[in-house]
Amino acid sequence: MVFLSIGVVLGMKMGISQDFSQTPTHAHLNLIGGVWMFLAGLFYNANPQISSRLSGAHYLLSVVGIVGFIVGLYSEMSGQTWGEVPLMLGSTLTAVSLVLFAVIVFIGTRRA
């Protein structure tokens, strides 16, 4: 909910200022930080048999990846060059967290 709230505030800021240069940042905050994280939480809630260590690893990897990705994307969309490394690392960690989540879903929901 923190990422989604930040995305909504960024969207309101863009609307008020009529500067939509951060639209990609806003969209990724809402979709990756808000929707995807919320859906993962619903999945874990509906599947309590999933190891808390695995879900915790997924959560940590996702949060670190999203923070790096969003900070890097925001700086890149602002025309600053320092965000390239956090953007690359954050997007890579976010992709790895998606793969980990897919593995957790497939392994955690297979029938005995």
N, C-alpha and C. Protein backbone atom coordinates (compact mmCIF):
# COMPACT_ATOMS: atom_id res chain seq x y z
N MET A 1 0.82 -1.19 0.00
CA MET A 1 0.00 0.00 0.00
C MET A 1 0.86 1.26 0.00
N VAL A 2 2.07 1.17 0.54
CA VAL A 2 2.97 2.33 0.55
C VAL A 2 3.32 2.73 -0.88
N PHE A 3 3.71 1.74 -1.70
CA PHE A 3 4.07 2.05 -3.08
C PHE A 3 2.87 2.59 -3.86
N LEU A 4 1.71 1.99 -3.67
CA LEU A 4 0.51 2.46 -4.35
C LEU A 4 0.18 3.88 -3.94
N SER A 5 0.31 4.19 -2.66
CA SER A 5 0.04 5.55 -2.17
C SER A 5 1.00 6.56 -2.79
N ILE A 6 2.27 6.19 -2.87
CA ILE A 6 3.25 7.08 -3.50
C ILE A 6 2.89 7.29 -4.97
N GLY A 7 2.48 6.22 -5.64
CA GLY A 7 2.08 6.34 -7.05
C GLY A 7 0.88 7.25 -7.24
N VAL A 8 -0.09 7.16 -6.34
CA VAL A 8 -1.27 8.03 -6.43
C VAL A 8 -0.88 9.49 -6.19
N VAL A 9 -0.04 9.72 -5.19
CA VAL A 9 0.40 11.10 -4.91
C VAL A 9 1.18 11.64 -6.10
N LEU A 10 2.05 10.82 -6.69
CA LEU A 10 2.79 11.27 -7.88
C LEU A 10 1.83 11.59 -9.02
N GLY A 11 0.80 10.78 -9.20
CA GLY A 11 -0.20 11.05 -10.23
C GLY A 11 -0.93 12.35 -9.98
N MET A 12 -1.27 12.61 -8.72
CA MET A 12 -1.94 13.88 -8.39
C MET A 12 -1.02 15.06 -8.65
N LYS A 13 0.26 14.91 -8.29
CA LYS A 13 1.25 15.98 -8.53
C LYS A 13 1.36 16.26 -10.03
N MET A 14 1.38 15.20 -10.82
CA MET A 14 1.47 15.39 -12.27
C MET A 14 0.24 16.11 -12.80
N GLY A 15 -0.92 15.72 -12.31
CA GLY A 15 -2.16 16.35 -12.76
C GLY A 15 -2.23 17.82 -12.38
N ILE A 16 -1.83 18.13 -11.17
CA ILE A 16 -1.87 19.52 -10.71
C ILE A 16 -0.90 20.39 -11.50
N SER A 17 0.32 19.85 -11.73
CA SER A 17 1.34 20.65 -12.42
C SER A 17 1.23 20.57 -13.94
N GLN A 18 0.42 19.62 -14.43
CA GLN A 18 0.28 19.37 -15.87
C GLN A 18 1.62 18.97 -16.50
N ASP A 19 2.49 18.36 -15.69
CA ASP A 19 3.78 17.84 -16.16
C ASP A 19 3.71 16.32 -16.04
N PHE A 20 3.57 15.65 -17.16
CA PHE A 20 3.36 14.22 -17.16
C PHE A 20 4.62 13.43 -17.54
N SER A 21 5.76 14.04 -17.29
CA SER A 21 7.03 13.39 -17.65
C SER A 21 7.32 12.16 -16.80
N GLN A 22 6.68 12.04 -15.65
CA GLN A 22 6.90 10.89 -14.78
C GLN A 22 5.81 9.82 -14.91
N THR A 23 5.09 9.85 -16.02
CA THR A 23 4.02 8.86 -16.22
C THR A 23 4.53 7.42 -16.11
N PRO A 24 5.69 7.08 -16.70
CA PRO A 24 6.17 5.70 -16.52
C PRO A 24 6.44 5.34 -15.05
N THR A 25 6.97 6.29 -14.30
CA THR A 25 7.23 6.04 -12.88
C THR A 25 5.92 5.82 -12.14
N HIS A 26 4.95 6.67 -12.39
CA HIS A 26 3.62 6.57 -11.79
C HIS A 26 2.98 5.22 -12.11
N ALA A 27 3.04 4.83 -13.37
CA ALA A 27 2.42 3.57 -13.80
C ALA A 27 3.10 2.37 -13.15
N HIS A 28 4.42 2.36 -13.10
CA HIS A 28 5.13 1.24 -12.50
C HIS A 28 4.93 1.17 -10.99
N LEU A 29 4.86 2.31 -10.34
CA LEU A 29 4.57 2.31 -8.91
C LEU A 29 3.21 1.68 -8.65
N ASN A 30 2.22 2.07 -9.43
CA ASN A 30 0.87 1.55 -9.22
C ASN A 30 0.77 0.07 -9.57
N LEU A 31 1.35 -0.32 -10.70
CA LEU A 31 1.20 -1.71 -11.15
C LEU A 31 2.11 -2.68 -10.41
N ILE A 32 3.39 -2.37 -10.34
CA ILE A 32 4.32 -3.30 -9.69
C ILE A 32 4.24 -3.15 -8.18
N GLY A 33 4.30 -1.92 -7.70
CA GLY A 33 4.31 -1.69 -6.27
C GLY A 33 2.96 -1.88 -5.61
N GLY A 34 1.90 -1.60 -6.33
CA GLY A 34 0.57 -1.70 -5.75
C GLY A 34 -0.14 -2.98 -6.11
N VAL A 35 -0.48 -3.14 -7.36
CA VAL A 35 -1.31 -4.27 -7.80
C VAL A 35 -0.59 -5.60 -7.63
N TRP A 36 0.65 -5.69 -8.16
CA TRP A 36 1.34 -6.97 -8.10
C TRP A 36 1.61 -7.39 -6.66
N MET A 37 2.07 -6.47 -5.82
CA MET A 37 2.34 -6.81 -4.42
C MET A 37 1.04 -7.21 -3.70
N PHE A 38 -0.05 -6.52 -4.02
CA PHE A 38 -1.34 -6.85 -3.39
C PHE A 38 -1.80 -8.25 -3.81
N LEU A 39 -1.66 -8.56 -5.09
CA LEU A 39 -2.05 -9.88 -5.58
C LEU A 39 -1.18 -10.97 -4.96
N ALA A 40 0.10 -10.72 -4.80
CA ALA A 40 0.98 -11.69 -4.15
C ALA A 40 0.52 -11.91 -2.71
N GLY A 41 0.17 -10.84 -2.02
CA GLY A 41 -0.32 -10.97 -0.65
C GLY A 41 -1.59 -11.78 -0.59
N LEU A 42 -2.50 -11.57 -1.53
CA LEU A 42 -3.73 -12.38 -1.58
C LEU A 42 -3.41 -13.86 -1.81
N PHE A 43 -2.46 -14.11 -2.70
CA PHE A 43 -2.05 -15.49 -2.96
C PHE A 43 -1.51 -16.14 -1.69
N TYR A 44 -0.62 -15.45 -1.00
CA TYR A 44 -0.04 -16.02 0.22
C TYR A 44 -1.11 -16.22 1.30
N ASN A 45 -2.05 -15.31 1.38
CA ASN A 45 -3.14 -15.45 2.35
C ASN A 45 -4.02 -16.66 2.02
N ALA A 46 -4.24 -16.90 0.74
CA ALA A 46 -5.09 -18.02 0.32
C ALA A 46 -4.35 -19.36 0.35
N ASN A 47 -3.03 -19.31 0.48
CA ASN A 47 -2.23 -20.53 0.48
C ASN A 47 -1.28 -20.55 1.68
N PRO A 48 -1.84 -20.77 2.87
CA PRO A 48 -1.01 -20.71 4.08
C PRO A 48 0.05 -21.81 4.15
N GLN A 49 -0.05 -22.82 3.28
CA GLN A 49 0.94 -23.88 3.29
C GLN A 49 2.28 -23.42 2.71
N ILE A 50 2.30 -22.27 2.06
CA ILE A 50 3.55 -21.75 1.49
C ILE A 50 4.50 -21.38 2.63
N SER A 51 5.74 -21.77 2.47
CA SER A 51 6.76 -21.49 3.48
C SER A 51 6.88 -19.99 3.72
N SER A 52 6.88 -19.62 4.99
CA SER A 52 7.03 -18.20 5.31
C SER A 52 8.42 -17.70 4.95
N ARG A 53 9.40 -18.60 4.91
CA ARG A 53 10.75 -18.20 4.49
C ARG A 53 10.75 -17.85 3.00
N LEU A 54 10.06 -18.65 2.20
CA LEU A 54 9.99 -18.36 0.77
C LEU A 54 9.21 -17.07 0.50
N SER A 55 8.07 -16.93 1.14
CA SER A 55 7.28 -15.71 0.93
C SER A 55 8.03 -14.49 1.45
N GLY A 56 8.75 -14.64 2.55
CA GLY A 56 9.55 -13.53 3.08
C GLY A 56 10.67 -13.15 2.14
N ALA A 57 11.33 -14.16 1.55
CA ALA A 57 12.39 -13.90 0.58
C ALA A 57 11.82 -13.17 -0.64
N HIS A 58 10.66 -13.62 -1.10
CA HIS A 58 10.02 -12.96 -2.23
C HIS A 58 9.69 -11.51 -1.91
N TYR A 59 9.13 -11.30 -0.73
CA TYR A 59 8.76 -9.94 -0.31
C TYR A 59 9.98 -9.03 -0.24
N LEU A 60 11.05 -9.50 0.41
CA LEU A 60 12.26 -8.69 0.55
C LEU A 60 12.86 -8.36 -0.82
N LEU A 61 12.97 -9.36 -1.67
CA LEU A 61 13.51 -9.16 -3.00
C LEU A 61 12.66 -8.18 -3.80
N SER A 62 11.35 -8.30 -3.68
CA SER A 62 10.44 -7.41 -4.39
C SER A 62 10.58 -5.96 -3.92
N VAL A 63 10.60 -5.77 -2.62
CA VAL A 63 10.68 -4.41 -2.08
C VAL A 63 12.01 -3.74 -2.47
N VAL A 64 13.11 -4.45 -2.30
CA VAL A 64 14.42 -3.89 -2.67
C VAL A 64 14.45 -3.59 -4.17
N GLY A 65 13.94 -4.52 -4.97
CA GLY A 65 13.91 -4.32 -6.42
C GLY A 65 13.05 -3.14 -6.83
N ILE A 66 11.87 -3.04 -6.25
CA ILE A 66 10.96 -1.95 -6.60
C ILE A 66 11.55 -0.60 -6.21
N VAL A 67 12.15 -0.52 -5.03
CA VAL A 67 12.74 0.75 -4.60
C VAL A 67 13.84 1.18 -5.57
N GLY A 68 14.75 0.27 -5.90
CA GLY A 68 15.82 0.61 -6.84
C GLY A 68 15.27 0.97 -8.21
N PHE A 69 14.31 0.19 -8.67
CA PHE A 69 13.71 0.42 -9.98
C PHE A 69 13.04 1.79 -10.05
N ILE A 70 12.25 2.11 -9.05
CA ILE A 70 11.50 3.37 -9.06
C ILE A 70 12.42 4.57 -8.90
N VAL A 71 13.39 4.48 -7.98
CA VAL A 71 14.34 5.59 -7.81
C VAL A 71 15.12 5.82 -9.11
N GLY A 72 15.58 4.73 -9.71
CA GLY A 72 16.31 4.86 -10.97
C GLY A 72 15.46 5.38 -12.10
N LEU A 73 14.23 4.88 -12.20
CA LEU A 73 13.33 5.33 -13.26
C LEU A 73 12.97 6.80 -13.09
N TYR A 74 12.71 7.21 -11.85
CA TYR A 74 12.39 8.61 -11.59
C TYR A 74 13.54 9.52 -12.03
N SER A 75 14.76 9.13 -11.69
CA SER A 75 15.90 9.97 -12.06
C SER A 75 16.10 9.98 -13.57
N GLU A 76 15.96 8.84 -14.21
CA GLU A 76 16.10 8.79 -15.67
C GLU A 76 15.05 9.64 -16.36
N MET A 77 13.81 9.59 -15.89
CA MET A 77 12.74 10.37 -16.49
C MET A 77 12.91 11.86 -16.20
N SER A 78 13.73 12.17 -15.19
CA SER A 78 14.03 13.58 -14.87
C SER A 78 15.23 14.09 -15.65
N GLY A 79 15.82 13.22 -16.47
CA GLY A 79 16.96 13.62 -17.28
C GLY A 79 18.30 13.55 -16.56
N GLN A 80 18.33 12.86 -15.42
CA GLN A 80 19.57 12.72 -14.67
C GLN A 80 20.18 11.36 -14.99
N THR A 81 21.50 11.32 -15.01
CA THR A 81 22.17 10.09 -15.43
C THR A 81 22.52 9.17 -14.27
N TRP A 82 22.46 9.63 -13.04
CA TRP A 82 22.86 8.81 -11.90
C TRP A 82 21.91 7.64 -11.64
N GLY A 83 20.74 7.66 -12.23
CA GLY A 83 19.75 6.62 -11.95
C GLY A 83 19.89 5.38 -12.79
N GLU A 84 20.84 5.35 -13.70
CA GLU A 84 20.97 4.20 -14.58
C GLU A 84 21.29 2.91 -13.82
N VAL A 85 22.22 3.00 -12.87
CA VAL A 85 22.60 1.80 -12.10
C VAL A 85 21.45 1.31 -11.22
N PRO A 86 20.82 2.19 -10.41
CA PRO A 86 19.68 1.68 -9.63
C PRO A 86 18.55 1.15 -10.50
N LEU A 87 18.36 1.75 -11.67
CA LEU A 87 17.32 1.27 -12.58
C LEU A 87 17.64 -0.13 -13.07
N MET A 88 18.88 -0.36 -13.47
CA MET A 88 19.27 -1.69 -13.96
C MET A 88 19.20 -2.73 -12.85
N LEU A 89 19.76 -2.38 -11.68
CA LEU A 89 19.74 -3.34 -10.57
C LEU A 89 18.31 -3.59 -10.07
N GLY A 90 17.55 -2.52 -9.92
CA GLY A 90 16.18 -2.66 -9.44
C GLY A 90 15.30 -3.44 -10.38
N SER A 91 15.43 -3.18 -11.68
CA SER A 91 14.60 -3.91 -12.64
C SER A 91 15.01 -5.38 -12.69
N THR A 92 16.31 -5.65 -12.54
CA THR A 92 16.77 -7.04 -12.52
C THR A 92 16.24 -7.76 -11.28
N LEU A 93 16.35 -7.12 -10.13
CA LEU A 93 15.83 -7.74 -8.90
C LEU A 93 14.32 -7.94 -8.97
N THR A 94 13.62 -7.00 -9.56
CA THR A 94 12.17 -7.12 -9.72
C THR A 94 11.83 -8.30 -10.62
N ALA A 95 12.59 -8.47 -11.71
CA ALA A 95 12.36 -9.61 -12.60
C ALA A 95 12.68 -10.92 -11.90
N VAL A 96 13.75 -10.95 -11.12
CA VAL A 96 14.10 -12.16 -10.37
C VAL A 96 13.01 -12.48 -9.35
N SER A 97 12.46 -11.45 -8.71
CA SER A 97 11.39 -11.69 -7.74
C SER A 97 10.14 -12.24 -8.43
N LEU A 98 9.89 -11.84 -9.66
CA LEU A 98 8.76 -12.39 -10.41
C LEU A 98 8.99 -13.87 -10.72
N VAL A 99 10.20 -14.21 -11.11
CA VAL A 99 10.52 -15.62 -11.38
C VAL A 99 10.39 -16.43 -10.10
N LEU A 100 10.91 -15.90 -8.99
CA LEU A 100 10.79 -16.59 -7.70
C LEU A 100 9.32 -16.78 -7.34
N PHE A 101 8.50 -15.76 -7.55
CA PHE A 101 7.08 -15.88 -7.25
C PHE A 101 6.43 -16.96 -8.12
N ALA A 102 6.79 -17.01 -9.39
CA ALA A 102 6.24 -18.04 -10.28
C ALA A 102 6.61 -19.43 -9.77
N VAL A 103 7.86 -19.60 -9.35
CA VAL A 103 8.29 -20.89 -8.81
C VAL A 103 7.49 -21.22 -7.55
N ILE A 104 7.32 -20.24 -6.67
CA ILE A 104 6.55 -20.45 -5.45
C ILE A 104 5.11 -20.85 -5.77
N VAL A 105 4.52 -20.19 -6.75
CA VAL A 105 3.14 -20.52 -7.14
C VAL A 105 3.05 -21.94 -7.65
N PHE A 106 3.95 -22.31 -8.56
CA PHE A 106 3.88 -23.64 -9.15
C PHE A 106 4.22 -24.73 -8.14
N ILE A 107 5.22 -24.53 -7.33
CA ILE A 107 5.59 -25.54 -6.35
C ILE A 107 4.58 -25.58 -5.20
N GLY A 108 4.15 -24.42 -4.75
CA GLY A 108 3.27 -24.34 -3.59
C GLY A 108 1.85 -24.77 -3.84
N THR A 109 1.44 -24.85 -5.10
CA THR A 109 0.06 -25.22 -5.37
C THR A 109 -0.08 -26.55 -6.10
N ARG A 110 1.03 -27.25 -6.28
CA ARG A 110 0.93 -28.55 -6.97
C ARG A 110 0.16 -29.53 -6.08
N ARG A 111 -0.53 -30.40 -6.72
CA ARG A 111 -1.37 -31.37 -5.99
C ARG A 111 -0.51 -32.53 -5.51
N ALA A 112 -0.83 -32.99 -4.33
CA ALA A 112 -0.05 -34.12 -3.74
C ALA A 112 -0.36 -35.42 -4.46
